[in-house]
Amino acid sequence: MNTPPPIGIIGGSGLYRMEGLALDRAVEVKTPFGDPSGPVHLGQLDGAPVAFLARHGEGHRFTPSEVNYRANLWALKSLGVERLISVSAVGSLQARHQPGELRLVSQFIDKTRHRQDTYFGEGLVAHVSFAEPTCAHLSGLLLATGQVLELPLEGDALYVCMEGPAFSTRAESRLHQSWGADLIGMTQVTEARLAREAELCYACIALVTDYDSWREEEAGVDATSVLEVMHANVDKAQRLLRKAVPQLSGAIRPCACGEALKMALFTAPEAVTPEARQRLDLLVAKYGFGVVR
């Protein structure tokens, strides 16, 4: 009997290990894009195969700009992951999103500047559709599961992704708030773009830890206050994951995420360089753009 592909979980600030994960082994994966943030932990979460990776490295060694997002997602893809759930701390830009609550992201505004956020170029061009940057089916299942658990969880959040690592100025925070954005963070849009190119279903569980810097009656956000709220939020996220992941294990993907590159590859096959074919074989072989065998 074939083992179903593992569900990928990327843990952010505060989620460096997955409670309930019966660890099988830790795998050091080499990728064409360098080293991931650390080993990928393979195991079972309440009987469901899971691949877990700490985004910032064990001990939180990497800033959001230093994380090798390409290597992280490549490593998970190479181990058979098809669905990826990301957990991330965020600031709230609206009073209704309170610290201690969870949100599911549906849209992004990208303000990053220093990221490697595509696998393509240098011999093979692709332009993926990114109008709906997260997987509606995966997010919908997480939302329904959170409601069953009576967690403080809502969907359809708009997330501003800033570069960091410093938090926002008050002027920036007010500007983002005026755009109607719900949340602000430093990591998720980069992962979402690469997940789409890697044809992974992607959902983001955002853990609200603070009100960013827009509330004049409060001091600006700081790392200590974020960590204080984080511990309770991580517990809620882990409850959600333990309930949702077994429902996903082995289930057929009803969405189009698994064919995101089908209409995205622009380069004529005869013009693709051998180096690009070799580098991107994992992603494009099924479309005839990979290594010639």
Protein backbone atom coordinates (compact mmCIF):
# COMPACT_ATOMS: atom_id res chain seq x y z
CA MET A 1 0.00 0.00 0.00
CA ASN A 2 1.40 3.37 -1.02
CA THR A 3 1.98 5.89 1.75
CA PRO A 4 0.02 9.12 1.06
CA PRO A 5 2.17 12.19 0.43
CA PRO A 6 2.99 14.09 3.59
CA ILE A 7 1.25 17.31 4.53
CA GLY A 8 3.87 20.06 4.82
CA ILE A 9 3.87 22.37 7.83
CA ILE A 10 6.18 25.37 8.08
CA GLY A 11 6.41 26.71 11.61
CA GLY A 12 7.16 30.37 12.18
CA SER A 13 7.94 32.40 15.28
CA GLY A 14 7.07 30.31 18.32
CA LEU A 15 6.33 27.08 16.43
CA TYR A 16 9.69 25.39 16.17
CA ARG A 17 8.43 21.88 16.96
CA MET A 18 5.07 20.29 16.30
CA GLU A 19 3.26 18.93 19.35
CA GLY A 20 1.96 15.43 18.75
CA LEU A 21 4.38 14.73 15.88
CA ALA A 22 5.72 11.19 16.24
CA LEU A 23 9.12 11.76 14.66
CA ASP A 24 10.35 9.16 12.20
CA ARG A 25 13.50 10.89 10.99
CA ALA A 26 15.08 14.24 10.26
CA VAL A 27 16.26 14.70 6.67
CA GLU A 28 18.95 17.10 5.49
CA VAL A 29 17.90 18.03 1.95
CA LYS A 30 20.26 19.50 -0.64
CA THR A 31 18.61 21.72 -3.25
CA PRO A 32 19.74 23.60 -6.39
CA PHE A 33 19.02 26.78 -4.42
CA GLY A 34 21.18 26.15 -1.38
CA ASP A 35 20.40 24.82 2.07
CA PRO A 36 16.99 25.01 3.75
CA SER A 37 16.59 26.60 7.16
CA GLY A 38 17.23 23.22 8.77
CA PRO A 39 16.33 19.56 8.57
CA VAL A 40 12.86 18.49 7.51
CA HIS A 41 11.25 16.39 10.25
CA LEU A 42 9.24 13.49 8.87
CA GLY A 43 6.73 11.67 11.01
CA GLN A 44 3.10 11.05 11.85
CA LEU A 45 0.65 13.56 13.29
CA ASP A 46 -2.18 11.54 14.74
CA GLY A 47 -1.55 8.91 12.07
CA ALA A 48 -1.18 11.31 9.12
CA PRO A 49 2.20 11.62 7.34
CA VAL A 50 3.69 15.07 7.97
CA ALA A 51 6.81 16.95 6.93
CA PHE A 52 7.67 19.76 9.35
CA LEU A 53 10.21 22.56 8.84
CA ALA A 54 11.07 25.47 11.12
CA ARG A 55 11.14 28.57 8.88
CA HIS A 56 13.68 30.54 10.89
CA GLY A 57 15.83 27.54 11.79
CA GLU A 58 15.97 25.79 15.12
CA GLY A 59 16.59 28.42 17.76
CA HIS A 60 15.30 31.16 15.39
CA ARG A 61 18.58 31.97 13.64
CA PHE A 62 17.39 33.62 10.42
CA THR A 63 15.68 36.97 9.91
CA PRO A 64 12.76 37.06 7.45
CA SER A 65 15.13 38.40 4.78
CA GLU A 66 17.74 35.69 5.47
CA VAL A 67 15.36 32.73 5.19
CA ASN A 68 16.11 30.67 2.09
CA TYR A 69 12.48 30.35 1.00
CA ARG A 70 13.34 28.70 -2.31
CA ALA A 71 15.33 25.94 -0.63
CA ASN A 72 12.68 25.43 2.06
CA LEU A 73 9.81 24.86 -0.36
CA TRP A 74 11.98 22.87 -2.78
CA ALA A 75 12.99 20.53 0.05
CA LEU A 76 9.34 19.93 1.00
CA LYS A 77 8.30 19.43 -2.64
CA SER A 78 11.14 16.95 -3.20
CA LEU A 79 9.91 14.88 -0.25
CA GLY A 80 6.47 14.52 -1.80
CA VAL A 81 4.56 17.34 -0.12
CA GLU A 82 1.50 18.47 -2.10
CA ARG A 83 -0.29 20.58 0.51
CA LEU A 84 1.54 23.15 2.62
CA ILE A 85 0.20 24.88 5.73
CA SER A 86 2.23 27.82 6.98
CA VAL A 87 2.00 29.22 10.51
CA SER A 88 3.12 32.80 11.06
CA ALA A 89 2.94 35.58 13.66
CA VAL A 90 1.28 38.80 12.44
CA GLY A 91 0.36 42.24 13.63
CA SER A 92 -3.23 43.47 13.44
CA LEU A 93 -4.07 46.54 11.37
CA GLN A 94 -7.74 46.63 12.40
CA ALA A 95 -9.26 46.72 15.89
CA ARG A 96 -11.48 43.72 15.16
CA HIS A 97 -8.47 41.42 14.80
CA GLN A 98 -7.39 41.03 18.41
CA PRO A 99 -4.16 39.58 19.82
CA GLY A 100 -4.69 35.94 20.67
CA GLU A 101 -6.91 35.31 17.64
CA LEU A 102 -6.18 33.35 14.44
CA ARG A 103 -6.81 34.40 10.85
CA LEU A 104 -6.59 32.69 7.47
CA VAL A 105 -5.03 34.77 4.70
CA SER A 106 -6.61 35.04 1.26
CA GLN A 107 -4.81 38.05 -0.28
CA PHE A 108 -1.42 39.79 -0.10
CA ILE A 109 0.20 43.14 -0.75
CA ASP A 110 3.92 42.62 -1.33
CA LYS A 111 6.31 45.27 0.00
CA THR A 112 9.40 43.10 0.19
CA ARG A 113 12.57 44.27 -1.57
CA HIS A 114 15.42 41.83 -0.97
CA ARG A 115 13.95 38.38 -1.63
CA GLN A 116 14.62 35.60 -4.10
CA ASP A 117 10.96 34.81 -4.76
CA THR A 118 10.92 32.80 -8.00
CA TYR A 119 12.44 29.56 -9.22
CA PHE A 120 12.42 30.77 -12.81
CA GLY A 121 14.72 32.86 -14.98
CA GLU A 122 18.21 32.08 -16.24
CA GLY A 123 17.05 29.92 -19.14
CA LEU A 124 13.38 29.19 -18.46
CA VAL A 125 10.65 31.81 -17.98
CA ALA A 126 7.32 31.20 -16.24
CA HIS A 127 4.53 33.58 -15.22
CA VAL A 128 2.13 31.85 -12.84
CA SER A 129 -1.37 33.11 -12.10
CA PHE A 130 -1.42 34.68 -8.64
CA ALA A 131 -4.81 36.38 -8.55
CA GLU A 132 -5.89 34.01 -5.78
CA PRO A 133 -2.61 33.39 -3.95
CA THR A 134 -3.82 30.84 -1.40
CA CYS A 135 -5.71 27.58 -1.91
CA ALA A 136 -9.42 28.18 -1.26
CA HIS A 137 -10.09 24.49 -0.62
CA LEU A 138 -7.29 24.10 1.93
CA SER A 139 -8.16 27.38 3.67
CA GLY A 140 -11.84 26.42 3.67
CA LEU A 141 -11.13 23.13 5.39
CA LEU A 142 -9.02 24.89 8.04
CA LEU A 143 -11.79 27.43 8.62
CA ALA A 144 -14.46 24.76 9.00
CA THR A 145 -12.24 22.79 11.36
CA GLY A 146 -11.53 25.87 13.46
CA GLN A 147 -15.25 26.51 13.77
CA VAL A 148 -15.84 22.96 15.00
CA LEU A 149 -13.13 23.51 17.62
CA GLU A 150 -14.67 26.89 18.52
CA LEU A 151 -11.35 28.66 17.97
CA PRO A 152 -11.23 32.46 17.50
CA LEU A 153 -10.61 32.03 13.76
CA GLU A 154 -11.79 33.99 10.71
CA GLY A 155 -10.94 33.79 7.00
CA ASP A 156 -10.40 36.13 4.05
CA ALA A 157 -7.70 38.31 5.61
CA LEU A 158 -5.60 40.75 3.56
CA TYR A 159 -1.94 40.55 4.59
CA VAL A 160 0.72 43.20 3.93
CA CYS A 161 4.17 41.59 3.68
CA MET A 162 6.95 43.99 4.66
CA GLU A 163 10.68 43.39 4.50
CA GLY A 164 11.60 43.73 8.17
CA PRO A 165 13.30 42.89 10.39
CA ALA A 166 12.33 46.18 12.10
CA PHE A 167 8.66 46.65 12.89
CA SER A 168 6.60 49.39 11.21
CA THR A 169 6.80 53.09 11.84
CA ARG A 170 3.50 54.64 12.93
CA ALA A 171 3.18 56.36 9.55
CA GLU A 172 3.64 53.05 7.70
CA SER A 173 1.19 51.29 9.99
CA ARG A 174 -1.49 53.95 9.44
CA LEU A 175 -0.92 53.82 5.67
CA HIS A 176 -1.37 50.05 5.58
CA GLN A 177 -4.47 50.41 7.72
CA SER A 178 -5.91 52.99 5.31
CA TRP A 179 -5.55 50.48 2.47
CA GLY A 180 -8.05 48.25 4.26
CA ALA A 181 -5.41 45.63 5.03
CA ASP A 182 -6.08 43.34 7.98
CA LEU A 183 -2.67 42.00 8.95
CA ILE A 184 1.03 42.72 8.58
CA GLY A 185 3.93 40.27 8.62
CA MET A 186 7.32 39.59 7.07
CA THR A 187 7.25 36.14 5.44
CA GLN A 188 4.07 34.83 3.88
CA VAL A 189 3.87 36.33 0.40
CA THR A 190 7.30 34.97 -0.50
CA GLU A 191 6.29 31.46 0.50
CA ALA A 192 2.95 31.79 -1.30
CA ARG A 193 4.60 32.78 -4.61
CA LEU A 194 7.04 29.89 -4.48
CA ALA A 195 4.32 27.46 -3.43
CA ARG A 196 2.33 28.42 -6.51
CA GLU A 197 5.36 27.84 -8.77
CA ALA A 198 5.95 24.51 -7.04
CA GLU A 199 2.28 23.59 -7.61
CA LEU A 200 1.60 23.19 -3.90
CA CYS A 201 -1.71 23.96 -2.22
CA TYR A 202 -0.86 26.74 0.24
CA ALA A 203 -2.68 28.14 3.26
CA CYS A 204 -1.51 30.52 5.97
CA ILE A 205 -2.63 30.37 9.60
CA ALA A 206 -1.83 33.85 10.90
CA LEU A 207 -1.40 34.21 14.66
CA VAL A 208 -2.33 37.74 15.77
CA THR A 209 0.13 38.89 18.45
CA ASP A 210 -0.13 42.70 18.52
CA TYR A 211 -1.67 45.86 17.02
CA ASP A 212 1.43 46.85 15.03
CA SER A 213 2.09 50.60 15.55
CA TRP A 214 -1.07 52.42 14.50
CA ARG A 215 -2.64 52.86 17.96
CA GLU A 216 -1.32 56.13 19.34
CA GLU A 217 -2.47 55.32 22.87
CA GLU A 218 -0.05 52.39 22.97
CA ALA A 219 3.68 51.99 22.65
CA GLY A 220 4.84 50.48 19.37
CA VAL A 221 5.09 46.72 19.05
CA ASP A 222 8.20 45.04 20.46
CA ALA A 223 9.57 41.52 20.39
CA THR A 224 8.93 40.85 24.07
CA SER A 225 5.20 41.60 23.85
CA VAL A 226 4.92 39.48 20.71
CA LEU A 227 6.46 36.48 22.44
CA GLU A 228 4.13 36.81 25.42
CA VAL A 229 1.05 36.38 23.22
CA MET A 230 2.71 33.83 20.97
CA HIS A 231 2.64 30.90 23.38
CA ALA A 232 -1.15 30.86 23.71
CA ASN A 233 -1.58 31.34 19.96
CA VAL A 234 0.73 28.44 19.14
CA ASP A 235 -1.38 26.13 21.28
CA LYS A 236 -4.49 27.11 19.28
CA ALA A 237 -2.68 26.61 15.98
CA GLN A 238 -1.50 23.17 17.00
CA ARG A 239 -5.03 22.15 18.00
CA LEU A 240 -6.23 23.27 14.59
CA LEU A 241 -3.48 21.37 12.77
CA ARG A 242 -4.01 18.15 14.73
CA LYS A 243 -7.69 18.17 13.80
CA ALA A 244 -7.29 19.24 10.16
CA VAL A 245 -4.24 17.33 8.96
CA PRO A 246 -5.73 13.80 9.29
CA GLN A 247 -8.71 14.97 7.19
CA LEU A 248 -6.33 15.95 4.40
CA SER A 249 -4.14 12.88 4.45
CA GLY A 250 -4.56 10.87 1.27
CA ALA A 251 -7.44 13.03 0.01
CA ILE A 252 -7.49 14.01 -3.67
CA ARG A 253 -6.83 17.68 -4.35
CA PRO A 254 -9.98 19.17 -5.95
CA CYS A 255 -8.28 22.48 -6.82
CA ALA A 256 -6.09 23.64 -9.72
CA CYS A 257 -2.97 24.24 -7.59
CA GLY A 258 -1.35 21.05 -8.88
CA GLU A 259 -1.35 22.38 -12.46
CA ALA A 260 -0.25 25.97 -11.83
CA LEU A 261 2.59 25.71 -14.37
CA LYS A 262 0.46 24.21 -17.14
CA MET A 263 -0.26 27.59 -18.75
CA ALA A 264 2.66 29.48 -17.19
CA LEU A 265 5.76 28.28 -19.07
CA PHE A 266 6.68 30.87 -21.70
CA THR A 267 10.03 29.71 -23.07
CA ALA A 268 9.96 27.60 -26.23
CA PRO A 269 11.10 24.06 -25.33
CA GLU A 270 13.97 24.17 -27.81
CA ALA A 271 15.23 27.40 -26.24
CA VAL A 272 15.44 26.10 -22.66
CA THR A 273 19.06 25.81 -21.60
CA PRO A 274 20.39 22.47 -20.34
CA GLU A 275 21.30 24.15 -17.06
CA ALA A 276 17.71 25.33 -16.56
CA ARG A 277 16.34 21.89 -17.40
CA GLN A 278 18.64 20.30 -14.85
CA ARG A 279 17.95 22.91 -12.15
CA LEU A 280 14.16 22.88 -12.51
CA ASP A 281 13.55 19.24 -13.41
CA LEU A 282 11.53 18.63 -10.23
CA LEU A 283 9.01 21.30 -11.24
CA VAL A 284 8.80 21.09 -15.03
CA ALA A 285 9.61 17.52 -16.09
CA LYS A 286 5.94 16.57 -16.38
CA TYR A 287 5.45 19.33 -18.96
CA GLY A 288 8.35 18.16 -21.14
CA PHE A 289 10.72 20.96 -20.07
CA GLY A 290 12.88 18.87 -17.77
CA VAL A 291 16.01 16.82 -18.33
CA VAL A 292 15.89 14.91 -21.61
CA ARG A 293 15.92 11.23 -20.71
